[in-house]
Amino acid sequence: MSTLSAVTAEFSKYRSLAEAALEQISPADYFAQFGSESNSIALVMKHVGGNLASRWQDVLRSDGEKPGRERDQEFELLPEDSVRSVRAQWDLGFSVLFGALGQLRDEQLGQTITIRGQPLSLLEGLTRSACHTAYHVGQIVYLAKCAAGSGFRSLSIPRRRPGAS
């Protein structure tokens, strides 16, 4: 398996993990916050979508932090935000990412890309992005688990229940 195939598979697994958690919550749960400084699932999804779209659009020729990106707005609940619009931003980010990954070749992994003016190899940029995405997917899963309560179906190996062998 090539490195890019492995990276693509990992991004796919994390996307699926988040989406399996989202299937277990209500629309209102997307917007629940545990404090004024905490992010809701919707805000995390907006951020991940915005980040992926910015980073991977035209990755070999332009800085990964696009001038039109409104990063701070990704962390603000706007009146027009809905489950549908948040999901659209999430889907767009992954679409841009997977489109870019489909065009890249392992021979390019040492090529220099730029993120926020910082030169990185393509492999470093992919690693950074995968870790960033996984971090936020963990937040989404945790918040969904809190919202769903005892009805949450484990997405990995469930803990042993009393009486289970």
N, C-alpha and C. Protein backbone atom coordinates (compact mmCIF):
# COMPACT_ATOMS: atom_id res chain seq x y z
N MET A 1 0.86 -1.19 0.00
CA MET A 1 0.00 0.00 0.00
C MET A 1 0.89 1.24 0.00
N SER A 2 0.54 2.21 -0.80
CA SER A 2 1.32 3.44 -0.85
C SER A 2 1.04 4.30 0.38
N THR A 3 1.93 5.22 0.63
CA THR A 3 1.75 6.14 1.75
C THR A 3 0.47 6.96 1.57
N LEU A 4 0.25 7.46 0.38
CA LEU A 4 -0.95 8.28 0.15
C LEU A 4 -2.23 7.45 0.28
N SER A 5 -2.17 6.19 -0.12
CA SER A 5 -3.34 5.31 0.07
C SER A 5 -3.61 5.11 1.56
N ALA A 6 -2.54 4.93 2.32
CA ALA A 6 -2.70 4.73 3.77
C ALA A 6 -3.25 5.99 4.43
N VAL A 7 -2.75 7.15 4.03
CA VAL A 7 -3.23 8.41 4.60
C VAL A 7 -4.70 8.62 4.23
N THR A 8 -5.04 8.36 3.00
CA THR A 8 -6.44 8.49 2.56
C THR A 8 -7.34 7.58 3.37
N ALA A 9 -6.90 6.35 3.60
CA ALA A 9 -7.69 5.40 4.40
C ALA A 9 -7.88 5.90 5.83
N GLU A 10 -6.84 6.48 6.42
CA GLU A 10 -6.96 7.00 7.79
C GLU A 10 -7.94 8.18 7.86
N PHE A 11 -7.84 9.11 6.92
CA PHE A 11 -8.80 10.22 6.89
C PHE A 11 -10.22 9.67 6.75
N SER A 12 -10.39 8.66 5.90
CA SER A 12 -11.72 8.06 5.71
C SER A 12 -12.23 7.43 7.00
N LYS A 13 -11.35 6.74 7.73
CA LYS A 13 -11.75 6.12 8.99
C LYS A 13 -12.19 7.18 10.00
N TYR A 14 -11.44 8.27 10.11
CA TYR A 14 -11.81 9.30 11.07
C TYR A 14 -13.11 9.99 10.68
N ARG A 15 -13.30 10.24 9.40
CA ARG A 15 -14.56 10.82 8.97
C ARG A 15 -15.72 9.90 9.33
N SER A 16 -15.57 8.62 9.03
CA SER A 16 -16.62 7.64 9.34
C SER A 16 -16.89 7.55 10.84
N LEU A 17 -15.85 7.62 11.63
CA LEU A 17 -16.00 7.57 13.09
C LEU A 17 -16.86 8.74 13.58
N ALA A 18 -16.54 9.93 13.11
CA ALA A 18 -17.32 11.10 13.50
C ALA A 18 -18.77 10.96 13.04
N GLU A 19 -18.95 10.52 11.82
CA GLU A 19 -20.30 10.42 11.28
C GLU A 19 -21.12 9.34 11.98
N ALA A 20 -20.47 8.28 12.43
CA ALA A 20 -21.18 7.25 13.21
C ALA A 20 -21.64 7.82 14.55
N ALA A 21 -20.83 8.69 15.13
CA ALA A 21 -21.24 9.35 16.38
C ALA A 21 -22.39 10.32 16.12
N LEU A 22 -22.34 11.05 15.01
CA LEU A 22 -23.39 12.02 14.68
C LEU A 22 -24.74 11.35 14.46
N GLU A 23 -24.74 10.12 13.99
CA GLU A 23 -25.99 9.39 13.77
C GLU A 23 -26.74 9.13 15.07
N GLN A 24 -26.05 9.29 16.18
CA GLN A 24 -26.63 8.94 17.49
C GLN A 24 -27.15 10.16 18.26
N ILE A 25 -27.13 11.32 17.64
CA ILE A 25 -27.57 12.53 18.35
C ILE A 25 -28.71 13.22 17.61
N SER A 26 -29.36 14.12 18.32
CA SER A 26 -30.46 14.90 17.74
C SER A 26 -29.89 16.16 17.08
N PRO A 27 -30.65 16.80 16.23
CA PRO A 27 -30.19 18.06 15.64
C PRO A 27 -29.81 19.10 16.69
N ALA A 28 -30.55 19.19 17.78
CA ALA A 28 -30.24 20.17 18.82
C ALA A 28 -28.88 19.89 19.47
N ASP A 29 -28.51 18.61 19.53
CA ASP A 29 -27.23 18.24 20.15
C ASP A 29 -26.03 18.80 19.39
N TYR A 30 -26.18 19.06 18.11
CA TYR A 30 -25.08 19.64 17.33
C TYR A 30 -24.65 21.00 17.90
N PHE A 31 -25.57 21.69 18.52
CA PHE A 31 -25.32 23.07 18.94
C PHE A 31 -25.15 23.24 20.45
N ALA A 32 -25.20 22.16 21.19
CA ALA A 32 -25.05 22.21 22.65
C ALA A 32 -23.61 22.58 23.02
N GLN A 33 -23.47 23.47 24.00
CA GLN A 33 -22.15 23.86 24.50
C GLN A 33 -22.14 23.65 26.00
N PHE A 34 -20.99 23.22 26.51
CA PHE A 34 -20.86 22.95 27.93
C PHE A 34 -20.36 24.15 28.72
N GLY A 35 -20.06 25.23 28.05
CA GLY A 35 -19.59 26.44 28.69
C GLY A 35 -19.35 27.50 27.63
N SER A 36 -19.18 28.72 28.05
CA SER A 36 -19.02 29.82 27.08
C SER A 36 -17.76 29.70 26.23
N GLU A 37 -16.76 29.00 26.72
CA GLU A 37 -15.52 28.84 25.97
C GLU A 37 -15.39 27.48 25.30
N SER A 38 -16.43 26.65 25.39
CA SER A 38 -16.36 25.34 24.75
C SER A 38 -16.98 25.41 23.36
N ASN A 39 -16.56 24.49 22.53
CA ASN A 39 -17.10 24.41 21.17
C ASN A 39 -18.19 23.35 21.11
N SER A 40 -19.20 23.63 20.35
CA SER A 40 -20.23 22.64 20.08
C SER A 40 -19.74 21.73 18.96
N ILE A 41 -20.46 20.65 18.75
CA ILE A 41 -20.15 19.77 17.62
C ILE A 41 -20.22 20.55 16.32
N ALA A 42 -21.22 21.39 16.17
CA ALA A 42 -21.37 22.18 14.95
C ALA A 42 -20.14 23.05 14.70
N LEU A 43 -19.64 23.70 15.74
CA LEU A 43 -18.47 24.56 15.56
C LEU A 43 -17.23 23.75 15.20
N VAL A 44 -17.07 22.60 15.81
CA VAL A 44 -15.92 21.74 15.47
C VAL A 44 -16.03 21.28 14.02
N MET A 45 -17.23 20.93 13.59
CA MET A 45 -17.42 20.50 12.20
C MET A 45 -17.14 21.64 11.22
N LYS A 46 -17.60 22.85 11.55
CA LYS A 46 -17.31 24.00 10.69
C LYS A 46 -15.81 24.22 10.58
N HIS A 47 -15.12 24.11 11.71
CA HIS A 47 -13.68 24.32 11.73
C HIS A 47 -12.94 23.26 10.92
N VAL A 48 -13.28 22.00 11.12
CA VAL A 48 -12.62 20.94 10.36
C VAL A 48 -12.86 21.13 8.86
N GLY A 49 -14.10 21.39 8.50
CA GLY A 49 -14.40 21.61 7.08
C GLY A 49 -13.65 22.79 6.50
N GLY A 50 -13.63 23.90 7.23
CA GLY A 50 -12.90 25.08 6.75
C GLY A 50 -11.41 24.84 6.66
N ASN A 51 -10.87 24.14 7.65
CA ASN A 51 -9.45 23.85 7.66
C ASN A 51 -9.05 22.97 6.48
N LEU A 52 -9.79 21.88 6.28
CA LEU A 52 -9.45 20.96 5.19
C LEU A 52 -9.58 21.64 3.83
N ALA A 53 -10.65 22.40 3.64
CA ALA A 53 -10.84 23.08 2.35
C ALA A 53 -9.71 24.07 2.09
N SER A 54 -9.31 24.80 3.12
CA SER A 54 -8.24 25.78 2.96
C SER A 54 -6.89 25.10 2.70
N ARG A 55 -6.58 24.09 3.49
CA ARG A 55 -5.27 23.44 3.40
C ARG A 55 -5.04 22.72 2.08
N TRP A 56 -6.07 22.06 1.56
CA TRP A 56 -5.86 21.13 0.46
C TRP A 56 -6.30 21.64 -0.89
N GLN A 57 -6.92 22.80 -0.96
CA GLN A 57 -7.23 23.40 -2.25
C GLN A 57 -5.95 23.96 -2.84
N ASP A 58 -5.58 23.49 -4.01
CA ASP A 58 -4.38 23.99 -4.71
C ASP A 58 -3.13 23.87 -3.83
N VAL A 59 -2.99 22.73 -3.16
CA VAL A 59 -1.99 22.53 -2.11
C VAL A 59 -0.55 22.72 -2.60
N LEU A 60 -0.27 22.37 -3.84
CA LEU A 60 1.12 22.45 -4.31
C LEU A 60 1.51 23.84 -4.80
N ARG A 61 0.54 24.72 -4.98
CA ARG A 61 0.84 26.03 -5.56
C ARG A 61 0.49 27.23 -4.68
N SER A 62 -0.27 27.00 -3.61
CA SER A 62 -0.66 28.15 -2.78
C SER A 62 -0.54 27.80 -1.31
N ASP A 63 -0.45 28.82 -0.48
CA ASP A 63 -0.37 28.62 0.96
C ASP A 63 -1.65 27.95 1.43
N GLY A 64 -1.51 27.05 2.38
CA GLY A 64 -2.65 26.32 2.92
C GLY A 64 -3.61 27.16 3.72
N GLU A 65 -3.21 28.36 4.07
CA GLU A 65 -4.13 29.28 4.76
C GLU A 65 -4.58 30.29 3.71
N LYS A 66 -5.75 30.02 3.11
CA LYS A 66 -6.24 30.85 2.02
C LYS A 66 -6.71 32.20 2.53
N PRO A 67 -6.48 33.25 1.73
CA PRO A 67 -6.85 34.61 2.16
C PRO A 67 -8.34 34.78 2.46
N GLY A 68 -9.21 34.05 1.79
CA GLY A 68 -10.65 34.21 2.00
C GLY A 68 -11.20 33.41 3.17
N ARG A 69 -10.36 32.62 3.81
CA ARG A 69 -10.85 31.81 4.93
C ARG A 69 -11.15 32.70 6.13
N GLU A 70 -12.30 32.49 6.72
CA GLU A 70 -12.70 33.23 7.92
C GLU A 70 -12.62 32.29 9.12
N ARG A 71 -11.40 31.96 9.54
CA ARG A 71 -11.19 30.96 10.59
C ARG A 71 -11.96 31.30 11.87
N ASP A 72 -11.93 32.55 12.29
CA ASP A 72 -12.61 32.92 13.53
C ASP A 72 -14.11 32.65 13.45
N GLN A 73 -14.70 32.82 12.27
CA GLN A 73 -16.14 32.56 12.12
C GLN A 73 -16.47 31.08 12.24
N GLU A 74 -15.46 30.22 12.02
CA GLU A 74 -15.70 28.80 12.20
C GLU A 74 -16.04 28.47 13.65
N PHE A 75 -15.63 29.35 14.54
CA PHE A 75 -15.88 29.14 15.98
C PHE A 75 -16.99 30.03 16.51
N GLU A 76 -17.80 30.58 15.61
CA GLU A 76 -18.95 31.40 15.99
C GLU A 76 -20.21 30.79 15.43
N LEU A 77 -21.21 30.67 16.26
CA LEU A 77 -22.50 30.21 15.78
C LEU A 77 -23.20 31.38 15.10
N LEU A 78 -23.49 31.24 13.84
CA LEU A 78 -24.12 32.30 13.07
C LEU A 78 -25.61 32.00 12.90
N PRO A 79 -26.42 33.02 12.72
CA PRO A 79 -27.87 32.80 12.59
C PRO A 79 -28.23 31.82 11.48
N GLU A 80 -27.45 31.81 10.42
CA GLU A 80 -27.76 30.92 9.29
C GLU A 80 -27.24 29.49 9.46
N ASP A 81 -26.52 29.23 10.54
CA ASP A 81 -25.99 27.89 10.77
C ASP A 81 -27.13 26.92 11.09
N SER A 82 -27.09 25.78 10.45
CA SER A 82 -28.05 24.70 10.66
C SER A 82 -27.28 23.39 10.55
N VAL A 83 -27.92 22.31 10.92
CA VAL A 83 -27.28 21.00 10.76
C VAL A 83 -26.90 20.83 9.29
N ARG A 84 -27.79 21.20 8.42
CA ARG A 84 -27.54 21.05 6.97
C ARG A 84 -26.34 21.89 6.51
N SER A 85 -26.25 23.14 6.93
CA SER A 85 -25.15 23.99 6.47
C SER A 85 -23.81 23.56 7.08
N VAL A 86 -23.86 23.13 8.32
CA VAL A 86 -22.64 22.65 8.99
C VAL A 86 -22.16 21.38 8.30
N ARG A 87 -23.09 20.49 8.00
CA ARG A 87 -22.74 19.26 7.30
C ARG A 87 -22.19 19.56 5.91
N ALA A 88 -22.73 20.57 5.24
CA ALA A 88 -22.23 20.94 3.92
C ALA A 88 -20.78 21.44 3.99
N GLN A 89 -20.45 22.20 5.02
CA GLN A 89 -19.08 22.69 5.18
C GLN A 89 -18.14 21.52 5.48
N TRP A 90 -18.57 20.61 6.34
CA TRP A 90 -17.82 19.40 6.67
C TRP A 90 -17.55 18.59 5.39
N ASP A 91 -18.63 18.35 4.62
CA ASP A 91 -18.51 17.56 3.39
C ASP A 91 -17.61 18.24 2.37
N LEU A 92 -17.71 19.56 2.26
CA LEU A 92 -16.85 20.29 1.32
C LEU A 92 -15.37 20.11 1.69
N GLY A 93 -15.06 20.25 2.96
CA GLY A 93 -13.67 20.09 3.40
C GLY A 93 -13.13 18.72 3.04
N PHE A 94 -13.90 17.67 3.30
CA PHE A 94 -13.44 16.33 2.97
C PHE A 94 -13.39 16.10 1.47
N SER A 95 -14.29 16.72 0.73
CA SER A 95 -14.27 16.60 -0.72
C SER A 95 -13.00 17.22 -1.30
N VAL A 96 -12.64 18.40 -0.81
CA VAL A 96 -11.40 19.06 -1.27
C VAL A 96 -10.20 18.19 -0.90
N LEU A 97 -10.16 17.70 0.34
CA LEU A 97 -9.06 16.85 0.78
C LEU A 97 -8.93 15.61 -0.11
N PHE A 98 -10.01 14.85 -0.26
CA PHE A 98 -9.93 13.62 -1.03
C PHE A 98 -9.65 13.89 -2.50
N GLY A 99 -10.12 15.01 -3.02
CA GLY A 99 -9.78 15.38 -4.39
C GLY A 99 -8.29 15.62 -4.54
N ALA A 100 -7.71 16.32 -3.58
CA ALA A 100 -6.27 16.59 -3.62
C ALA A 100 -5.49 15.29 -3.47
N LEU A 101 -5.88 14.47 -2.51
CA LEU A 101 -5.17 13.21 -2.29
C LEU A 101 -5.22 12.32 -3.53
N GLY A 102 -6.31 12.37 -4.26
CA GLY A 102 -6.44 11.58 -5.48
C GLY A 102 -5.54 12.04 -6.61
N GLN A 103 -5.10 13.29 -6.54
CA GLN A 103 -4.23 13.84 -7.58
C GLN A 103 -2.75 13.72 -7.25
N LEU A 104 -2.43 13.49 -5.98
CA LEU A 104 -1.04 13.44 -5.55
C LEU A 104 -0.45 12.05 -5.74
N ARG A 105 0.88 12.01 -5.81
CA ARG A 105 1.61 10.75 -5.94
C ARG A 105 2.67 10.66 -4.85
N ASP A 106 2.99 9.45 -4.44
CA ASP A 106 3.99 9.25 -3.38
C ASP A 106 5.32 9.94 -3.71
N GLU A 107 5.66 10.03 -4.97
CA GLU A 107 6.92 10.68 -5.36
C GLU A 107 6.94 12.16 -4.97
N GLN A 108 5.80 12.73 -4.70
CA GLN A 108 5.70 14.16 -4.35
C GLN A 108 5.78 14.42 -2.85
N LEU A 109 5.87 13.38 -2.03
CA LEU A 109 5.79 13.55 -0.58
C LEU A 109 6.91 14.43 -0.01
N GLY A 110 8.03 14.51 -0.68
CA GLY A 110 9.12 15.38 -0.23
C GLY A 110 9.01 16.80 -0.74
N GLN A 111 8.08 17.06 -1.63
CA GLN A 111 7.90 18.40 -2.19
C GLN A 111 7.48 19.37 -1.10
N THR A 112 7.92 20.61 -1.22
CA THR A 112 7.61 21.62 -0.22
C THR A 112 6.25 22.25 -0.49
N ILE A 113 5.46 22.32 0.57
CA ILE A 113 4.20 23.07 0.57
C ILE A 113 4.34 24.13 1.66
N THR A 114 3.37 25.03 1.71
CA THR A 114 3.42 26.10 2.70
C THR A 114 2.08 26.17 3.44
N ILE A 115 2.17 26.28 4.76
CA ILE A 115 0.98 26.49 5.59
C ILE A 115 1.27 27.66 6.51
N ARG A 116 0.48 28.71 6.36
CA ARG A 116 0.68 29.95 7.14
C ARG A 116 2.11 30.46 7.02
N GLY A 117 2.64 30.40 5.81
CA GLY A 117 3.98 30.90 5.54
C GLY A 117 5.09 29.96 5.95
N GLN A 118 4.77 28.85 6.57
CA GLN A 118 5.78 27.90 7.03
C GLN A 118 5.98 26.80 5.98
N PRO A 119 7.21 26.65 5.48
CA PRO A 119 7.46 25.57 4.53
C PRO A 119 7.50 24.21 5.24
N LEU A 120 6.82 23.24 4.64
CA LEU A 120 6.78 21.87 5.15
C LEU A 120 6.86 20.93 3.95
N SER A 121 7.31 19.72 4.18
CA SER A 121 7.19 18.73 3.12
C SER A 121 5.71 18.35 3.03
N LEU A 122 5.33 17.85 1.88
CA LEU A 122 3.95 17.40 1.72
C LEU A 122 3.62 16.34 2.77
N LEU A 123 4.57 15.45 3.05
CA LEU A 123 4.34 14.43 4.08
C LEU A 123 4.12 15.06 5.45
N GLU A 124 4.89 16.08 5.79
CA GLU A 124 4.68 16.77 7.07
C GLU A 124 3.31 17.44 7.11
N GLY A 125 2.91 18.03 6.01
CA GLY A 125 1.60 18.67 5.95
C GLY A 125 0.47 17.67 6.09
N LEU A 126 0.62 16.51 5.46
CA LEU A 126 -0.39 15.46 5.58
C LEU A 126 -0.47 14.94 7.02
N THR A 127 0.70 14.74 7.62
CA THR A 127 0.73 14.25 9.00
C THR A 127 0.08 15.25 9.93
N ARG A 128 0.44 16.52 9.76
CA ARG A 128 -0.13 17.58 10.59
C ARG A 128 -1.65 17.63 10.43
N SER A 129 -2.12 17.54 9.20
CA SER A 129 -3.55 17.62 8.94
C SER A 129 -4.29 16.41 9.48
N ALA A 130 -3.70 15.23 9.32
CA ALA A 130 -4.35 14.02 9.85
C ALA A 130 -4.45 14.08 11.37
N CYS A 131 -3.40 14.53 12.02
CA CYS A 131 -3.43 14.63 13.49
C CYS A 131 -4.44 15.68 13.94
N HIS A 132 -4.48 16.80 13.25
CA HIS A 132 -5.44 17.86 13.57
C HIS A 132 -6.87 17.35 13.42
N THR A 133 -7.13 16.66 12.33
CA THR A 133 -8.46 16.13 12.08
C THR A 133 -8.84 15.08 13.12
N ALA A 134 -7.91 14.19 13.44
CA ALA A 134 -8.18 13.15 14.44
C ALA A 134 -8.47 13.76 15.81
N TYR A 135 -7.74 14.80 16.16
CA TYR A 135 -7.96 15.51 17.43
C TYR A 135 -9.40 16.01 17.51
N HIS A 136 -9.86 16.65 16.44
CA HIS A 136 -11.21 17.20 16.45
C HIS A 136 -12.28 16.12 16.31
N VAL A 137 -11.99 15.05 15.61
CA VAL A 137 -12.94 13.94 15.56
C VAL A 137 -13.13 13.37 16.96
N GLY A 138 -12.05 13.27 17.72
CA GLY A 138 -12.17 12.81 19.11
C GLY A 138 -13.10 13.71 19.91
N GLN A 139 -13.02 15.02 19.67
CA GLN A 139 -13.93 15.94 20.35
C GLN A 139 -15.38 15.69 19.94
N ILE A 140 -15.60 15.50 18.65
CA ILE A 140 -16.95 15.26 18.16
C ILE A 140 -17.52 13.99 18.80
N VAL A 141 -16.73 12.93 18.81
CA VAL A 141 -17.19 11.66 19.38
C VAL A 141 -17.49 11.83 20.86
N TYR A 142 -16.62 12.50 21.58
CA TYR A 142 -16.84 12.70 23.02
C TYR A 142 -18.10 13.53 23.27
N LEU A 143 -18.28 14.61 22.54
CA LEU A 143 -19.46 15.45 22.73
C LEU A 143 -20.74 14.69 22.36
N ALA A 144 -20.67 13.90 21.30
CA ALA A 144 -21.84 13.09 20.92
C ALA A 144 -22.14 12.06 22.00
N LYS A 145 -21.10 11.46 22.56
CA LYS A 145 -21.30 10.47 23.62
C LYS A 145 -21.95 11.13 24.84
N CYS A 146 -21.50 12.33 25.18
CA CYS A 146 -22.12 13.06 26.30
C CYS A 146 -23.57 13.37 26.00
N ALA A 147 -23.87 13.79 24.79
CA ALA A 147 -25.24 14.15 24.43
C ALA A 147 -26.15 12.92 24.40
N ALA A 148 -25.64 11.82 23.89
CA ALA A 148 -26.47 10.62 23.77
C ALA A 148 -26.63 9.89 25.10
N GLY A 149 -25.70 10.10 26.02
CA GLY A 149 -25.80 9.46 27.33
C GLY A 149 -25.65 7.96 27.25
N SER A 150 -26.40 7.27 28.10
CA SER A 150 -26.25 5.82 28.22
C SER A 150 -26.70 5.09 26.95
N GLY A 151 -27.40 5.77 26.07
CA GLY A 151 -27.83 5.14 24.82
C GLY A 151 -26.78 5.13 23.73
N PHE A 152 -25.63 5.74 24.00
CA PHE A 152 -24.57 5.81 22.98
C PHE A 152 -24.03 4.41 22.70
N ARG A 153 -23.99 4.05 21.44
CA ARG A 153 -23.41 2.77 21.01
C ARG A 153 -21.93 2.97 20.76
N SER A 154 -21.12 2.16 21.40
CA SER A 154 -19.67 2.28 21.28
C SER A 154 -19.23 2.20 19.82
N LEU A 155 -18.25 2.99 19.48
CA LEU A 155 -17.70 2.99 18.12
C LEU A 155 -16.40 2.22 18.05
N SER A 156 -15.99 1.69 19.18
CA SER A 156 -14.78 0.86 19.22
C SER A 156 -15.10 -0.34 20.11
N ILE A 157 -14.14 -0.82 20.82
CA ILE A 157 -14.36 -1.95 21.71
C ILE A 157 -15.05 -1.42 22.97
N PRO A 158 -16.30 -1.84 23.22
CA PRO A 158 -17.00 -1.31 24.40
C PRO A 158 -16.37 -1.80 25.70
N ARG A 159 -16.54 -0.98 26.72
CA ARG A 159 -16.07 -1.39 28.05
C ARG A 159 -16.88 -2.58 28.51
N ARG A 160 -16.26 -3.36 29.35
CA ARG A 160 -16.98 -4.50 29.92
C ARG A 160 -18.11 -4.01 30.80
N ARG A 161 -19.22 -4.63 30.66
CA ARG A 161 -20.38 -4.32 31.49
C ARG A 161 -20.41 -5.30 32.65
N PRO A 162 -20.97 -4.89 33.79
CA PRO A 162 -21.07 -5.83 34.91
C PRO A 162 -21.81 -7.09 34.46
N GLY A 163 -21.26 -8.22 34.82
CA GLY A 163 -21.87 -9.49 34.46
C GLY A 163 -21.42 -10.03 33.11
N ALA A 164 -20.72 -9.20 32.32
CA ALA A 164 -20.23 -9.66 31.02
C ALA A 164 -18.91 -10.38 31.22
N SER A 165 -18.69 -11.39 30.43
CA SER A 165 -17.41 -12.10 30.56
C SER A 165 -16.46 -11.77 29.44
